[in-house]
């Protein structure tokens, strides 16, 4: 009988301050990251994710209120999921992400 790889997940809510990148630190045990669209507000701000520390709004994968989520997995994108990821917005915005890692 083969062993089953155990995985752990954690959900976080993040409030971005305008033009201040938020870092999701690199993790070699990470197997998936799921980014949610931002929380809808009157101003309807979007946010951008990228593996480049110098990320700027609009320069990467863009998520907008009412849009879909972004799922990055080891299976689909290799070690890209294990790198540091940065999120930034031109205005204050709240979003959530789910990180799944292999149990140690």
N, C-alpha and C. Protein backbone atom coordinates (compact mmCIF):
# COMPACT_ATOMS: atom_id res chain seq x y z
N UNK A 1 0.84 -1.17 0.00
CA UNK A 1 0.00 0.00 0.00
C UNK A 1 0.89 1.24 0.00
N UNK A 2 0.70 2.17 -0.95
CA UNK A 2 1.51 3.37 -1.04
C UNK A 2 1.15 4.38 0.02
N UNK A 3 2.09 5.26 0.29
CA UNK A 3 1.81 6.30 1.29
C UNK A 3 1.14 7.49 0.62
N UNK A 4 0.31 8.18 1.36
CA UNK A 4 -0.39 9.36 0.87
C UNK A 4 0.35 10.58 1.39
N UNK A 5 0.66 11.51 0.46
CA UNK A 5 1.34 12.74 0.87
C UNK A 5 0.33 13.62 1.61
N UNK A 6 0.67 14.01 2.81
CA UNK A 6 -0.19 14.87 3.60
C UNK A 6 0.09 16.33 3.25
N UNK A 7 -0.99 17.11 3.10
CA UNK A 7 -0.85 18.52 2.77
C UNK A 7 -1.63 19.35 3.77
N UNK A 8 -1.14 20.55 4.01
CA UNK A 8 -1.77 21.49 4.94
C UNK A 8 -2.08 22.77 4.20
N UNK A 9 -3.23 23.37 4.49
CA UNK A 9 -3.61 24.61 3.85
C UNK A 9 -3.90 25.69 4.87
N UNK A 10 -3.68 26.94 4.47
CA UNK A 10 -3.97 28.08 5.34
C UNK A 10 -4.50 29.21 4.48
N UNK A 11 -5.55 29.87 4.97
CA UNK A 11 -6.14 31.00 4.28
C UNK A 11 -5.74 32.28 5.01
N UNK A 12 -5.36 33.29 4.25
CA UNK A 12 -5.01 34.59 4.84
C UNK A 12 -5.75 35.69 4.12
N UNK A 13 -6.13 36.70 4.85
CA UNK A 13 -6.72 37.90 4.28
C UNK A 13 -5.68 39.01 4.39
N UNK A 14 -5.52 39.77 3.32
CA UNK A 14 -4.47 40.80 3.26
C UNK A 14 -5.10 42.12 2.86
N UNK A 15 -4.68 43.18 3.52
CA UNK A 15 -5.07 44.54 3.12
C UNK A 15 -3.84 45.19 2.51
N UNK A 16 -3.92 45.48 1.22
CA UNK A 16 -2.80 46.16 0.56
C UNK A 16 -2.93 47.66 0.74
N UNK A 17 -1.81 48.31 1.02
CA UNK A 17 -1.72 49.76 1.06
C UNK A 17 -1.26 50.18 -0.33
N UNK A 18 -1.78 51.27 -0.84
CA UNK A 18 -1.47 51.71 -2.20
C UNK A 18 0.03 51.71 -2.48
N UNK A 19 0.41 51.03 -3.55
CA UNK A 19 1.78 50.99 -4.06
C UNK A 19 2.81 50.40 -3.10
N UNK A 20 2.38 49.64 -2.10
CA UNK A 20 3.28 48.96 -1.16
C UNK A 20 3.17 47.45 -1.38
N UNK A 21 4.13 46.82 -2.05
CA UNK A 21 4.03 45.38 -2.32
C UNK A 21 3.98 44.55 -1.04
N UNK A 22 3.17 43.50 -1.09
CA UNK A 22 3.06 42.51 -0.02
C UNK A 22 3.76 41.25 -0.52
N UNK A 23 4.61 40.64 0.32
CA UNK A 23 5.35 39.44 -0.10
C UNK A 23 4.79 38.18 0.55
N UNK A 24 4.57 37.18 -0.28
CA UNK A 24 4.32 35.82 0.19
C UNK A 24 5.66 35.13 0.03
N UNK A 25 6.31 34.85 1.14
CA UNK A 25 7.70 34.37 1.16
C UNK A 25 7.83 33.01 0.48
N UNK A 26 8.92 32.81 -0.24
CA UNK A 26 9.20 31.54 -0.92
C UNK A 26 9.12 30.38 0.06
N UNK A 27 8.66 29.23 -0.45
CA UNK A 27 8.53 28.04 0.38
C UNK A 27 8.69 26.82 -0.52
N UNK A 28 9.75 26.04 -0.30
CA UNK A 28 10.01 24.88 -1.17
C UNK A 28 9.04 23.72 -0.92
N UNK A 29 8.20 23.81 0.10
CA UNK A 29 7.18 22.78 0.34
C UNK A 29 5.82 23.17 -0.24
N UNK A 30 5.70 24.38 -0.79
CA UNK A 30 4.43 24.85 -1.33
C UNK A 30 4.08 24.08 -2.60
N UNK A 31 2.82 23.63 -2.69
CA UNK A 31 2.34 22.93 -3.87
C UNK A 31 1.23 23.70 -4.59
N UNK A 32 0.62 24.68 -3.92
CA UNK A 32 -0.43 25.46 -4.57
C UNK A 32 -0.63 26.81 -3.89
N UNK A 33 -0.98 27.80 -4.69
CA UNK A 33 -1.40 29.12 -4.22
C UNK A 33 -2.67 29.47 -4.97
N UNK A 34 -3.68 29.89 -4.25
CA UNK A 34 -4.94 30.32 -4.85
C UNK A 34 -5.18 31.76 -4.42
N UNK A 35 -5.25 32.68 -5.39
CA UNK A 35 -5.49 34.09 -5.12
C UNK A 35 -6.95 34.41 -5.45
N UNK A 36 -7.64 35.07 -4.53
CA UNK A 36 -9.04 35.45 -4.76
C UNK A 36 -9.11 36.82 -5.42
N UNK A 37 -10.22 37.09 -6.10
CA UNK A 37 -10.42 38.46 -6.57
C UNK A 37 -10.52 39.39 -5.36
N UNK A 38 -10.25 40.67 -5.53
CA UNK A 38 -10.35 41.59 -4.39
C UNK A 38 -11.79 41.75 -3.92
N UNK A 39 -11.91 42.16 -2.68
CA UNK A 39 -13.23 42.45 -2.11
C UNK A 39 -13.81 43.65 -2.84
N UNK A 40 -15.04 43.54 -3.37
CA UNK A 40 -15.64 44.69 -4.08
C UNK A 40 -15.86 45.88 -3.15
N UNK A 41 -15.54 47.04 -3.63
CA UNK A 41 -15.79 48.30 -2.92
C UNK A 41 -16.32 49.31 -3.93
N UNK A 42 -16.69 50.48 -3.46
CA UNK A 42 -17.21 51.53 -4.35
C UNK A 42 -16.19 51.91 -5.43
N UNK A 43 -14.89 51.90 -5.07
CA UNK A 43 -13.86 52.28 -6.03
C UNK A 43 -13.45 51.14 -6.95
N UNK A 44 -13.81 49.89 -6.60
CA UNK A 44 -13.53 48.69 -7.38
C UNK A 44 -12.04 48.55 -7.77
N UNK A 45 -11.12 48.64 -6.80
CA UNK A 45 -9.71 48.51 -7.14
C UNK A 45 -9.35 47.08 -7.52
N UNK A 46 -8.33 46.94 -8.32
CA UNK A 46 -7.80 45.63 -8.67
C UNK A 46 -6.42 45.51 -8.02
N UNK A 47 -5.82 44.33 -8.14
CA UNK A 47 -4.45 44.17 -7.67
C UNK A 47 -3.70 43.26 -8.63
N UNK A 48 -2.38 43.30 -8.55
CA UNK A 48 -1.50 42.58 -9.44
C UNK A 48 -0.60 41.66 -8.64
N UNK A 49 -0.38 40.42 -9.15
CA UNK A 49 0.58 39.51 -8.53
C UNK A 49 1.69 39.22 -9.52
N UNK A 50 2.87 38.96 -8.99
CA UNK A 50 4.04 38.74 -9.83
C UNK A 50 5.13 38.11 -8.96
N UNK A 51 6.09 37.45 -9.58
CA UNK A 51 7.24 36.92 -8.84
C UNK A 51 8.39 37.92 -8.80
N UNK A 52 8.22 39.06 -9.42
CA UNK A 52 9.24 40.11 -9.44
C UNK A 52 9.03 41.05 -8.26
N UNK A 53 10.05 41.19 -7.43
CA UNK A 53 9.98 42.07 -6.25
C UNK A 53 9.62 43.52 -6.63
N UNK A 54 9.97 43.93 -7.83
CA UNK A 54 9.70 45.30 -8.29
C UNK A 54 8.34 45.41 -8.97
N UNK A 55 7.40 44.56 -8.60
CA UNK A 55 6.07 44.56 -9.21
C UNK A 55 5.42 45.94 -9.08
N UNK A 56 4.72 46.33 -10.14
CA UNK A 56 3.97 47.58 -10.14
C UNK A 56 2.53 47.25 -10.57
N UNK A 57 1.57 48.06 -10.14
CA UNK A 57 0.19 47.80 -10.54
C UNK A 57 0.06 47.65 -12.06
N UNK A 58 -0.60 46.59 -12.47
CA UNK A 58 -0.81 46.34 -13.90
C UNK A 58 0.29 45.56 -14.58
N UNK A 59 1.40 45.26 -13.89
CA UNK A 59 2.53 44.56 -14.50
C UNK A 59 2.66 43.15 -13.95
N UNK A 60 1.77 42.28 -14.35
CA UNK A 60 1.77 40.90 -13.90
C UNK A 60 0.40 40.30 -14.15
N UNK A 61 -0.03 39.42 -13.26
CA UNK A 61 -1.37 38.83 -13.34
C UNK A 61 -2.31 39.74 -12.56
N UNK A 62 -3.34 40.25 -13.22
CA UNK A 62 -4.23 41.23 -12.61
C UNK A 62 -5.54 40.59 -12.19
N UNK A 63 -5.97 40.88 -10.96
CA UNK A 63 -7.23 40.38 -10.44
C UNK A 63 -8.13 41.56 -10.12
N UNK A 64 -9.38 41.48 -10.59
CA UNK A 64 -10.33 42.57 -10.41
C UNK A 64 -11.58 42.06 -9.70
N UNK A 65 -12.30 42.94 -8.99
CA UNK A 65 -13.54 42.53 -8.35
C UNK A 65 -14.50 41.91 -9.37
N UNK A 66 -15.13 40.82 -8.99
CA UNK A 66 -16.06 40.14 -9.89
C UNK A 66 -15.38 39.22 -10.88
N UNK A 67 -14.05 39.24 -10.91
CA UNK A 67 -13.31 38.37 -11.81
C UNK A 67 -13.06 37.02 -11.17
N UNK A 68 -12.38 36.17 -11.87
CA UNK A 68 -12.07 34.84 -11.36
C UNK A 68 -10.85 34.84 -10.47
N UNK A 69 -10.60 33.69 -9.89
CA UNK A 69 -9.41 33.51 -9.05
C UNK A 69 -8.23 33.08 -9.92
N UNK A 70 -7.05 33.09 -9.34
CA UNK A 70 -5.84 32.59 -10.01
C UNK A 70 -5.30 31.45 -9.18
N UNK A 71 -5.15 30.28 -9.80
CA UNK A 71 -4.62 29.09 -9.14
C UNK A 71 -3.27 28.75 -9.74
N UNK A 72 -2.24 28.70 -8.90
CA UNK A 72 -0.89 28.36 -9.34
C UNK A 72 -0.50 27.09 -8.59
N UNK A 73 -0.25 26.01 -9.34
CA UNK A 73 0.08 24.73 -8.72
C UNK A 73 1.42 24.22 -9.21
N UNK A 74 2.04 23.41 -8.38
CA UNK A 74 3.29 22.76 -8.76
C UNK A 74 3.06 21.87 -9.98
N UNK A 75 1.94 21.18 -10.01
CA UNK A 75 1.63 20.28 -11.11
C UNK A 75 1.57 21.01 -12.45
N UNK A 76 0.97 22.20 -12.46
CA UNK A 76 0.82 22.95 -13.71
C UNK A 76 2.01 23.85 -14.04
N UNK A 77 2.62 24.45 -13.02
CA UNK A 77 3.62 25.49 -13.26
C UNK A 77 4.98 25.22 -12.65
N UNK A 78 5.20 23.99 -12.17
CA UNK A 78 6.51 23.62 -11.63
C UNK A 78 6.88 24.44 -10.40
N UNK A 79 8.16 24.81 -10.31
CA UNK A 79 8.63 25.49 -9.11
C UNK A 79 8.22 26.96 -9.01
N UNK A 80 7.48 27.47 -9.99
CA UNK A 80 7.01 28.87 -9.90
C UNK A 80 6.18 29.07 -8.64
N UNK A 81 5.42 28.06 -8.25
CA UNK A 81 4.57 28.18 -7.06
C UNK A 81 5.40 28.32 -5.79
N UNK A 82 6.63 27.84 -5.80
CA UNK A 82 7.47 27.85 -4.60
C UNK A 82 8.24 29.16 -4.43
N UNK A 83 8.25 30.00 -5.44
CA UNK A 83 8.97 31.27 -5.37
C UNK A 83 8.24 32.27 -4.49
N UNK A 84 8.91 33.36 -4.18
CA UNK A 84 8.23 34.48 -3.51
C UNK A 84 7.26 35.09 -4.51
N UNK A 85 6.08 35.44 -4.02
CA UNK A 85 5.07 36.12 -4.83
C UNK A 85 4.79 37.47 -4.18
N UNK A 86 4.56 38.47 -5.01
CA UNK A 86 4.31 39.83 -4.54
C UNK A 86 2.96 40.30 -5.08
N UNK A 87 2.24 41.02 -4.25
CA UNK A 87 0.96 41.61 -4.64
C UNK A 87 1.03 43.10 -4.41
N UNK A 88 0.46 43.87 -5.34
CA UNK A 88 0.47 45.32 -5.22
C UNK A 88 -0.79 45.88 -5.87
N UNK A 89 -1.21 47.05 -5.41
CA UNK A 89 -2.38 47.72 -5.95
C UNK A 89 -2.12 49.22 -5.96
N UNK A 90 -2.79 49.92 -6.86
CA UNK A 90 -2.66 51.38 -6.91
C UNK A 90 -3.49 52.06 -5.82
N UNK A 91 -4.41 51.31 -5.21
CA UNK A 91 -5.27 51.84 -4.14
C UNK A 91 -5.41 50.77 -3.07
N UNK A 92 -5.86 51.16 -1.90
CA UNK A 92 -6.06 50.18 -0.83
C UNK A 92 -7.07 49.13 -1.29
N UNK A 93 -6.77 47.86 -1.02
CA UNK A 93 -7.63 46.77 -1.45
C UNK A 93 -7.44 45.58 -0.51
N UNK A 94 -8.48 44.79 -0.34
CA UNK A 94 -8.41 43.58 0.48
C UNK A 94 -8.60 42.37 -0.42
N UNK A 95 -7.73 41.36 -0.24
CA UNK A 95 -7.87 40.11 -0.98
C UNK A 95 -7.48 38.97 -0.07
N UNK A 96 -7.75 37.77 -0.50
CA UNK A 96 -7.38 36.60 0.27
C UNK A 96 -6.60 35.63 -0.60
N UNK A 97 -5.81 34.78 0.06
CA UNK A 97 -5.13 33.73 -0.67
C UNK A 97 -5.08 32.47 0.19
N UNK A 98 -5.02 31.34 -0.49
CA UNK A 98 -4.90 30.03 0.15
C UNK A 98 -3.56 29.45 -0.26
N UNK A 99 -2.77 29.06 0.73
CA UNK A 99 -1.47 28.44 0.47
C UNK A 99 -1.54 26.99 0.95
N UNK A 100 -1.18 26.06 0.08
CA UNK A 100 -1.14 24.65 0.44
C UNK A 100 0.30 24.17 0.37
N UNK A 101 0.75 23.52 1.46
CA UNK A 101 2.13 23.03 1.53
C UNK A 101 2.13 21.55 1.90
N UNK A 102 3.21 20.87 1.53
CA UNK A 102 3.43 19.50 1.99
C UNK A 102 3.72 19.52 3.48
N UNK A 103 3.13 18.60 4.21
CA UNK A 103 3.42 18.50 5.64
C UNK A 103 4.86 18.05 5.81
N UNK A 104 5.51 18.55 6.84
CA UNK A 104 6.93 18.17 7.07
C UNK A 104 7.03 16.87 7.81
